Amino acid sequence: MATLNVTISEDLTLSGQTINSSNTVSYTVTSIDHRIITCTTTEQTVLLFNTTDAAGTVKDATLKYLRFTNLDQSNFIVVRVKGNSEEYFQKVPAGSSFLLTDSQMDANATGGQSLSLSNIDEISIDADSASVDVEMYAASDPS
């Protein structure tokens, strides 16, 4: 068991005024999957979620922190999150990151107001116009 500390901070000077913010959250984790993935222009599944902990798979309801960082200088990637016959897509510009701190989602194309959270089944990535490197950092506590 270990403690993962995640700090997000913003440093800004606008019109001579300094506007800074910082927030730190601590997570208890027992498992980490950290890797650099070459993301091509063909969509590829990079993380699965299931009822058991396995290679490349996070056990349902145990994800504490997930980050995908697009390491490219000019090309964007698209992250696809699928679960319970629903999915949503997130564009991640060059140098930017996509974060999750839970493994439940809901996507509703009709814009309805009823929320029905369910487990994520898989996450895939796809590069825009050329292969890029993507850093994945997934921390969970399947114990």
N, C-alpha and C. Protein backbone atom coordinates (compact mmCIF):
# COMPACT_ATOMS: atom_id res chain seq x y z
N MET A 1 0.84 -1.17 0.00
CA MET A 1 0.00 0.00 0.00
C MET A 1 0.89 1.23 0.00
N ALA A 2 0.52 2.21 -0.81
CA ALA A 2 1.28 3.45 -0.91
C ALA A 2 0.32 4.62 -1.05
N THR A 3 0.84 5.81 -0.86
CA THR A 3 0.06 7.02 -1.02
C THR A 3 0.54 7.76 -2.26
N LEU A 4 -0.38 7.98 -3.18
CA LEU A 4 -0.11 8.78 -4.37
C LEU A 4 -0.62 10.18 -4.10
N ASN A 5 0.27 11.17 -4.20
CA ASN A 5 -0.11 12.57 -4.05
C ASN A 5 -0.13 13.21 -5.43
N VAL A 6 -1.26 13.78 -5.79
CA VAL A 6 -1.41 14.45 -7.08
C VAL A 6 -1.67 15.93 -6.82
N THR A 7 -0.82 16.77 -7.40
CA THR A 7 -0.95 18.21 -7.23
C THR A 7 -1.21 18.85 -8.58
N ILE A 8 -2.26 19.64 -8.65
CA ILE A 8 -2.56 20.43 -9.84
C ILE A 8 -2.39 21.89 -9.44
N SER A 9 -1.59 22.62 -10.22
CA SER A 9 -1.38 24.02 -9.89
C SER A 9 -1.42 24.87 -11.16
N GLU A 10 -1.85 26.10 -10.97
CA GLU A 10 -1.89 27.08 -12.04
C GLU A 10 -1.11 28.30 -11.58
N ASP A 11 -0.26 28.81 -12.46
CA ASP A 11 0.49 30.04 -12.20
C ASP A 11 0.19 31.02 -13.32
N LEU A 12 -0.33 32.17 -12.96
CA LEU A 12 -0.74 33.13 -13.98
C LEU A 12 -0.49 34.56 -13.50
N THR A 13 0.04 35.37 -14.40
CA THR A 13 0.09 36.81 -14.18
C THR A 13 -0.68 37.45 -15.32
N LEU A 14 -1.75 38.13 -14.98
CA LEU A 14 -2.63 38.74 -15.97
C LEU A 14 -2.80 40.21 -15.62
N SER A 15 -2.44 41.06 -16.55
CA SER A 15 -2.52 42.51 -16.35
C SER A 15 -1.80 42.93 -15.07
N GLY A 16 -0.64 42.31 -14.81
CA GLY A 16 0.16 42.66 -13.65
C GLY A 16 -0.30 42.02 -12.34
N GLN A 17 -1.40 41.30 -12.38
CA GLN A 17 -1.92 40.67 -11.16
C GLN A 17 -1.60 39.18 -11.19
N THR A 18 -1.04 38.66 -10.08
CA THR A 18 -0.71 37.25 -9.97
C THR A 18 -1.94 36.49 -9.47
N ILE A 19 -2.31 35.47 -10.23
CA ILE A 19 -3.48 34.65 -9.86
C ILE A 19 -3.02 33.19 -9.89
N ASN A 20 -2.72 32.63 -8.74
CA ASN A 20 -2.21 31.27 -8.62
C ASN A 20 -3.18 30.41 -7.84
N SER A 21 -3.16 29.12 -8.14
CA SER A 21 -4.01 28.17 -7.43
C SER A 21 -3.30 26.82 -7.38
N SER A 22 -3.53 26.07 -6.31
CA SER A 22 -2.93 24.75 -6.19
C SER A 22 -3.85 23.87 -5.35
N ASN A 23 -3.96 22.61 -5.78
CA ASN A 23 -4.79 21.65 -5.04
C ASN A 23 -4.07 20.31 -5.03
N THR A 24 -3.94 19.70 -3.86
CA THR A 24 -3.31 18.39 -3.73
C THR A 24 -4.32 17.40 -3.17
N VAL A 25 -4.40 16.23 -3.81
CA VAL A 25 -5.27 15.15 -3.37
C VAL A 25 -4.40 13.91 -3.16
N SER A 26 -4.66 13.16 -2.11
CA SER A 26 -3.92 11.94 -1.81
C SER A 26 -4.81 10.72 -2.01
N TYR A 27 -4.25 9.70 -2.65
CA TYR A 27 -4.97 8.45 -2.91
C TYR A 27 -4.17 7.29 -2.36
N THR A 28 -4.85 6.34 -1.73
CA THR A 28 -4.21 5.10 -1.32
C THR A 28 -4.28 4.13 -2.49
N VAL A 29 -3.12 3.64 -2.93
CA VAL A 29 -3.07 2.76 -4.10
C VAL A 29 -2.20 1.54 -3.80
N THR A 30 -2.49 0.46 -4.50
CA THR A 30 -1.68 -0.76 -4.39
C THR A 30 -1.23 -1.26 -5.75
N SER A 31 -1.66 -0.59 -6.82
CA SER A 31 -1.31 -1.03 -8.16
C SER A 31 -1.10 0.18 -9.06
N ILE A 32 -0.08 0.09 -9.92
CA ILE A 32 0.20 1.18 -10.85
C ILE A 32 0.50 0.60 -12.23
N ASP A 33 -0.03 1.22 -13.27
CA ASP A 33 0.29 0.87 -14.65
C ASP A 33 0.77 2.15 -15.30
N HIS A 34 2.08 2.25 -15.51
CA HIS A 34 2.68 3.46 -16.08
C HIS A 34 3.47 3.06 -17.31
N ARG A 35 3.10 3.66 -18.45
CA ARG A 35 3.80 3.32 -19.68
C ARG A 35 3.66 4.42 -20.71
N ILE A 36 4.58 4.39 -21.67
CA ILE A 36 4.51 5.27 -22.84
C ILE A 36 3.98 4.42 -23.98
N ILE A 37 2.92 4.89 -24.61
CA ILE A 37 2.26 4.16 -25.69
C ILE A 37 2.44 4.94 -26.98
N THR A 38 2.87 4.26 -28.03
CA THR A 38 2.89 4.90 -29.34
C THR A 38 1.48 4.81 -29.90
N CYS A 39 0.85 5.96 -30.00
CA CYS A 39 -0.53 6.05 -30.48
C CYS A 39 -0.50 6.32 -31.97
N THR A 40 -1.09 5.42 -32.74
CA THR A 40 -1.12 5.56 -34.19
C THR A 40 -2.45 6.16 -34.65
N THR A 41 -2.60 6.31 -35.94
CA THR A 41 -3.85 6.84 -36.49
C THR A 41 -4.92 5.76 -36.61
N THR A 42 -4.64 4.58 -36.08
CA THR A 42 -5.64 3.51 -35.97
C THR A 42 -5.98 3.36 -34.50
N GLU A 43 -7.25 3.48 -34.16
CA GLU A 43 -7.66 3.40 -32.76
C GLU A 43 -7.18 2.11 -32.12
N GLN A 44 -6.67 2.23 -30.89
CA GLN A 44 -6.21 1.05 -30.15
C GLN A 44 -6.69 1.11 -28.70
N THR A 45 -7.15 -0.02 -28.20
CA THR A 45 -7.57 -0.12 -26.81
C THR A 45 -6.32 -0.16 -25.94
N VAL A 46 -6.28 0.69 -24.91
CA VAL A 46 -5.10 0.76 -24.05
C VAL A 46 -5.37 0.39 -22.61
N LEU A 47 -6.64 0.34 -22.19
CA LEU A 47 -6.96 -0.04 -20.83
C LEU A 47 -8.36 -0.64 -20.77
N LEU A 48 -8.46 -1.77 -20.08
CA LEU A 48 -9.74 -2.45 -19.89
C LEU A 48 -10.15 -2.36 -18.43
N PHE A 49 -11.44 -2.50 -18.19
CA PHE A 49 -11.99 -2.56 -16.83
C PHE A 49 -12.85 -3.80 -16.76
N ASN A 50 -12.74 -4.55 -15.64
CA ASN A 50 -13.50 -5.79 -15.49
C ASN A 50 -13.66 -6.10 -14.02
N THR A 51 -14.31 -7.22 -13.72
CA THR A 51 -14.58 -7.59 -12.33
C THR A 51 -13.36 -8.14 -11.60
N THR A 52 -12.29 -8.46 -12.33
CA THR A 52 -11.08 -8.95 -11.72
C THR A 52 -9.87 -8.14 -12.17
N ASP A 53 -8.86 -8.10 -11.34
CA ASP A 53 -7.62 -7.41 -11.66
C ASP A 53 -6.77 -8.31 -12.55
N ALA A 54 -6.27 -7.79 -13.66
CA ALA A 54 -5.45 -8.58 -14.58
C ALA A 54 -4.53 -7.65 -15.35
N ALA A 55 -3.64 -8.22 -16.14
CA ALA A 55 -2.71 -7.43 -16.94
C ALA A 55 -3.48 -6.52 -17.89
N GLY A 56 -3.18 -5.22 -17.86
CA GLY A 56 -3.84 -4.27 -18.73
C GLY A 56 -5.29 -4.01 -18.38
N THR A 57 -5.71 -4.52 -17.21
CA THR A 57 -7.11 -4.40 -16.78
C THR A 57 -7.17 -3.85 -15.36
N VAL A 58 -8.04 -2.89 -15.14
CA VAL A 58 -8.29 -2.35 -13.82
C VAL A 58 -9.59 -2.96 -13.30
N LYS A 59 -9.56 -3.44 -12.08
CA LYS A 59 -10.76 -4.01 -11.46
C LYS A 59 -11.79 -2.90 -11.27
N ASP A 60 -13.05 -3.22 -11.61
CA ASP A 60 -14.15 -2.26 -11.46
C ASP A 60 -14.14 -1.63 -10.07
N ALA A 61 -14.43 -0.34 -10.03
CA ALA A 61 -14.59 0.44 -8.80
C ALA A 61 -13.30 0.60 -7.99
N THR A 62 -12.13 0.32 -8.59
CA THR A 62 -10.89 0.46 -7.84
C THR A 62 -9.97 1.55 -8.39
N LEU A 63 -10.32 2.16 -9.54
CA LEU A 63 -9.49 3.21 -10.11
C LEU A 63 -9.50 4.42 -9.19
N LYS A 64 -8.31 4.93 -8.90
CA LYS A 64 -8.19 6.13 -8.07
C LYS A 64 -7.76 7.34 -8.90
N TYR A 65 -6.91 7.08 -9.91
CA TYR A 65 -6.36 8.18 -10.70
C TYR A 65 -5.89 7.64 -12.04
N LEU A 66 -6.27 8.33 -13.11
CA LEU A 66 -5.85 7.95 -14.46
C LEU A 66 -5.49 9.22 -15.22
N ARG A 67 -4.31 9.19 -15.85
CA ARG A 67 -3.88 10.34 -16.66
C ARG A 67 -3.31 9.85 -17.98
N PHE A 68 -3.79 10.46 -19.05
CA PHE A 68 -3.18 10.30 -20.36
C PHE A 68 -2.59 11.67 -20.72
N THR A 69 -1.30 11.72 -21.04
CA THR A 69 -0.67 12.96 -21.46
C THR A 69 -0.16 12.79 -22.88
N ASN A 70 -0.59 13.67 -23.76
CA ASN A 70 -0.16 13.69 -25.15
C ASN A 70 1.23 14.33 -25.18
N LEU A 71 2.26 13.54 -25.46
CA LEU A 71 3.64 14.03 -25.43
C LEU A 71 4.08 14.70 -26.73
N ASP A 72 3.20 14.76 -27.71
CA ASP A 72 3.55 15.35 -29.00
C ASP A 72 3.55 16.88 -28.91
N GLN A 73 4.26 17.50 -29.85
CA GLN A 73 4.35 18.97 -29.89
C GLN A 73 3.32 19.62 -30.81
N SER A 74 2.67 18.82 -31.69
CA SER A 74 1.76 19.45 -32.63
C SER A 74 0.46 18.68 -32.91
N ASN A 75 0.43 17.39 -32.75
CA ASN A 75 -0.76 16.60 -33.10
C ASN A 75 -1.61 16.28 -31.88
N PHE A 76 -2.93 16.31 -32.07
CA PHE A 76 -3.83 15.93 -30.98
C PHE A 76 -4.13 14.44 -31.02
N ILE A 77 -4.66 13.94 -29.91
CA ILE A 77 -5.18 12.57 -29.84
C ILE A 77 -6.64 12.65 -29.42
N VAL A 78 -7.35 11.54 -29.60
CA VAL A 78 -8.72 11.42 -29.13
C VAL A 78 -8.77 10.23 -28.18
N VAL A 79 -9.31 10.46 -26.98
CA VAL A 79 -9.53 9.40 -26.00
C VAL A 79 -10.99 8.99 -26.10
N ARG A 80 -11.23 7.69 -26.22
CA ARG A 80 -12.60 7.16 -26.31
C ARG A 80 -12.87 6.34 -25.05
N VAL A 81 -13.91 6.71 -24.31
CA VAL A 81 -14.30 6.03 -23.08
C VAL A 81 -15.61 5.31 -23.34
N LYS A 82 -15.60 3.98 -23.18
CA LYS A 82 -16.79 3.17 -23.47
C LYS A 82 -17.25 2.41 -22.23
N GLY A 83 -18.56 2.34 -22.08
CA GLY A 83 -19.14 1.57 -20.99
C GLY A 83 -20.64 1.46 -21.13
N ASN A 84 -21.18 0.28 -20.83
CA ASN A 84 -22.62 0.05 -20.79
C ASN A 84 -23.30 0.52 -22.09
N SER A 85 -22.73 0.15 -23.22
CA SER A 85 -23.27 0.50 -24.55
C SER A 85 -23.31 2.00 -24.82
N GLU A 86 -22.56 2.77 -24.06
CA GLU A 86 -22.45 4.20 -24.27
C GLU A 86 -20.98 4.55 -24.42
N GLU A 87 -20.71 5.72 -24.98
CA GLU A 87 -19.32 6.14 -25.13
C GLU A 87 -19.26 7.64 -25.27
N TYR A 88 -18.10 8.18 -24.92
CA TYR A 88 -17.85 9.59 -25.20
C TYR A 88 -16.40 9.74 -25.61
N PHE A 89 -16.13 10.84 -26.32
CA PHE A 89 -14.81 11.10 -26.88
C PHE A 89 -14.28 12.41 -26.30
N GLN A 90 -12.97 12.46 -26.09
CA GLN A 90 -12.34 13.67 -25.60
C GLN A 90 -11.09 13.97 -26.42
N LYS A 91 -11.06 15.14 -27.03
CA LYS A 91 -9.87 15.59 -27.76
C LYS A 91 -8.83 16.05 -26.74
N VAL A 92 -7.57 15.60 -26.93
CA VAL A 92 -6.47 16.00 -26.05
C VAL A 92 -5.40 16.67 -26.92
N PRO A 93 -5.31 18.00 -26.88
CA PRO A 93 -4.34 18.70 -27.72
C PRO A 93 -2.89 18.32 -27.37
N ALA A 94 -1.97 18.66 -28.25
CA ALA A 94 -0.55 18.41 -28.03
C ALA A 94 -0.11 19.00 -26.69
N GLY A 95 0.62 18.21 -25.91
CA GLY A 95 1.12 18.66 -24.62
C GLY A 95 0.11 18.67 -23.49
N SER A 96 -1.13 18.34 -23.75
CA SER A 96 -2.19 18.38 -22.74
C SER A 96 -2.46 17.00 -22.15
N SER A 97 -3.26 17.00 -21.07
CA SER A 97 -3.58 15.75 -20.38
C SER A 97 -5.08 15.58 -20.22
N PHE A 98 -5.49 14.32 -20.11
CA PHE A 98 -6.86 13.91 -19.82
C PHE A 98 -6.81 13.16 -18.50
N LEU A 99 -7.67 13.52 -17.53
CA LEU A 99 -7.66 12.91 -16.20
C LEU A 99 -9.00 12.29 -15.85
N LEU A 100 -8.93 11.18 -15.12
CA LEU A 100 -10.11 10.57 -14.49
C LEU A 100 -9.73 10.20 -13.07
N THR A 101 -10.67 10.32 -12.15
CA THR A 101 -10.43 9.89 -10.77
C THR A 101 -11.50 8.93 -10.29
N ASP A 102 -12.17 8.30 -11.25
CA ASP A 102 -13.20 7.32 -10.94
C ASP A 102 -13.44 6.50 -12.20
N SER A 103 -13.99 5.30 -12.05
CA SER A 103 -14.19 4.44 -13.22
C SER A 103 -15.66 4.27 -13.58
N GLN A 104 -16.46 5.28 -13.27
CA GLN A 104 -17.86 5.24 -13.69
C GLN A 104 -18.14 6.41 -14.62
N MET A 105 -19.07 6.19 -15.56
CA MET A 105 -19.39 7.21 -16.55
C MET A 105 -20.83 7.09 -16.99
N ASP A 106 -21.29 8.14 -17.63
CA ASP A 106 -22.59 8.13 -18.30
C ASP A 106 -22.46 9.03 -19.52
N ALA A 107 -23.03 8.60 -20.61
CA ALA A 107 -23.06 9.41 -21.84
C ALA A 107 -24.47 9.30 -22.39
N ASN A 108 -25.05 10.43 -22.76
CA ASN A 108 -26.43 10.42 -23.20
C ASN A 108 -26.58 11.37 -24.38
N ALA A 109 -26.75 10.81 -25.56
CA ALA A 109 -26.85 11.62 -26.78
C ALA A 109 -28.15 12.41 -26.85
N THR A 110 -29.17 12.01 -26.11
CA THR A 110 -30.45 12.69 -26.19
C THR A 110 -30.52 13.91 -25.28
N GLY A 111 -29.51 14.07 -24.40
CA GLY A 111 -29.51 15.23 -23.52
C GLY A 111 -30.49 15.10 -22.38
N GLY A 112 -30.95 13.90 -22.10
CA GLY A 112 -31.88 13.68 -21.00
C GLY A 112 -31.28 14.03 -19.67
N GLN A 113 -32.12 14.26 -18.69
CA GLN A 113 -31.64 14.68 -17.38
C GLN A 113 -31.42 13.53 -16.43
N SER A 114 -31.76 12.31 -16.82
CA SER A 114 -31.55 11.20 -15.89
C SER A 114 -30.11 10.73 -15.99
N LEU A 115 -29.46 10.62 -14.86
CA LEU A 115 -28.08 10.20 -14.78
C LEU A 115 -28.04 8.74 -14.37
N SER A 116 -27.30 7.94 -15.12
CA SER A 116 -27.19 6.51 -14.82
C SER A 116 -25.72 6.11 -14.94
N LEU A 117 -24.98 6.28 -13.84
CA LEU A 117 -23.56 5.94 -13.85
C LEU A 117 -23.37 4.43 -13.92
N SER A 118 -22.41 4.01 -14.75
CA SER A 118 -22.06 2.60 -14.84
C SER A 118 -20.56 2.48 -15.03
N ASN A 119 -20.04 1.28 -14.86
CA ASN A 119 -18.61 1.06 -14.97
C ASN A 119 -18.11 1.29 -16.39
N ILE A 120 -16.94 1.88 -16.49
CA ILE A 120 -16.26 1.99 -17.77
C ILE A 120 -15.81 0.58 -18.15
N ASP A 121 -15.94 0.23 -19.43
CA ASP A 121 -15.50 -1.08 -19.91
C ASP A 121 -14.11 -1.03 -20.55
N GLU A 122 -13.85 0.04 -21.30
CA GLU A 122 -12.55 0.16 -21.95
C GLU A 122 -12.27 1.59 -22.36
N ILE A 123 -10.98 1.87 -22.51
CA ILE A 123 -10.53 3.17 -22.99
C ILE A 123 -9.58 2.93 -24.14
N SER A 124 -9.79 3.67 -25.23
CA SER A 124 -8.91 3.56 -26.38
C SER A 124 -8.43 4.95 -26.77
N ILE A 125 -7.35 4.99 -27.57
CA ILE A 125 -6.80 6.25 -28.04
C ILE A 125 -6.56 6.17 -29.54
N ASP A 126 -6.55 7.33 -30.17
CA ASP A 126 -6.38 7.42 -31.62
C ASP A 126 -5.68 8.74 -31.91
N ALA A 127 -4.64 8.72 -32.73
CA ALA A 127 -3.93 9.95 -33.09
C ALA A 127 -4.60 10.63 -34.28
N ASP A 128 -4.46 11.92 -34.35
CA ASP A 128 -5.07 12.72 -35.41
C ASP A 128 -4.49 12.42 -36.78
N SER A 129 -3.26 12.83 -37.04
CA SER A 129 -2.73 12.71 -38.40
C SER A 129 -1.36 12.04 -38.47
N ALA A 130 -0.74 11.77 -37.32
CA ALA A 130 0.57 11.11 -37.29
C ALA A 130 0.71 10.44 -35.93
N SER A 131 1.53 9.40 -35.87
CA SER A 131 1.75 8.70 -34.60
C SER A 131 2.36 9.65 -33.57
N VAL A 132 1.91 9.50 -32.33
CA VAL A 132 2.41 10.31 -31.21
C VAL A 132 2.64 9.41 -30.01
N ASP A 133 3.49 9.84 -29.10
CA ASP A 133 3.67 9.13 -27.84
C ASP A 133 2.70 9.68 -26.81
N VAL A 134 2.11 8.77 -26.05
CA VAL A 134 1.15 9.12 -25.01
C VAL A 134 1.60 8.45 -23.72
N GLU A 135 1.68 9.23 -22.65
CA GLU A 135 2.01 8.66 -21.35
C GLU A 135 0.71 8.29 -20.64
N MET A 136 0.65 7.05 -20.15
CA MET A 136 -0.50 6.59 -19.36
C MET A 136 -0.03 6.32 -17.94
N TYR A 137 -0.77 6.82 -16.98
CA TYR A 137 -0.47 6.62 -15.57
C TYR A 137 -1.79 6.26 -14.89
N ALA A 138 -1.95 4.97 -14.57
CA ALA A 138 -3.20 4.49 -13.97
C ALA A 138 -2.90 3.91 -12.59
N ALA A 139 -3.49 4.48 -11.56
CA ALA A 139 -3.30 4.02 -10.18
C ALA A 139 -4.62 3.50 -9.64
N SER A 140 -4.58 2.32 -9.00
CA SER A 140 -5.80 1.73 -8.47
C SER A 140 -5.52 1.04 -7.14
N ASP A 141 -6.57 0.62 -6.49
CA ASP A 141 -6.46 -0.11 -5.23
C ASP A 141 -7.39 -1.32 -5.26
N PRO A 142 -6.94 -2.40 -5.96
CA PRO A 142 -7.79 -3.59 -6.09
C PRO A 142 -7.76 -4.51 -4.87
N SER A 143 -7.09 -4.10 -3.80
CA SER A 143 -6.98 -4.98 -2.61
C SER A 143 -8.29 -5.11 -1.86
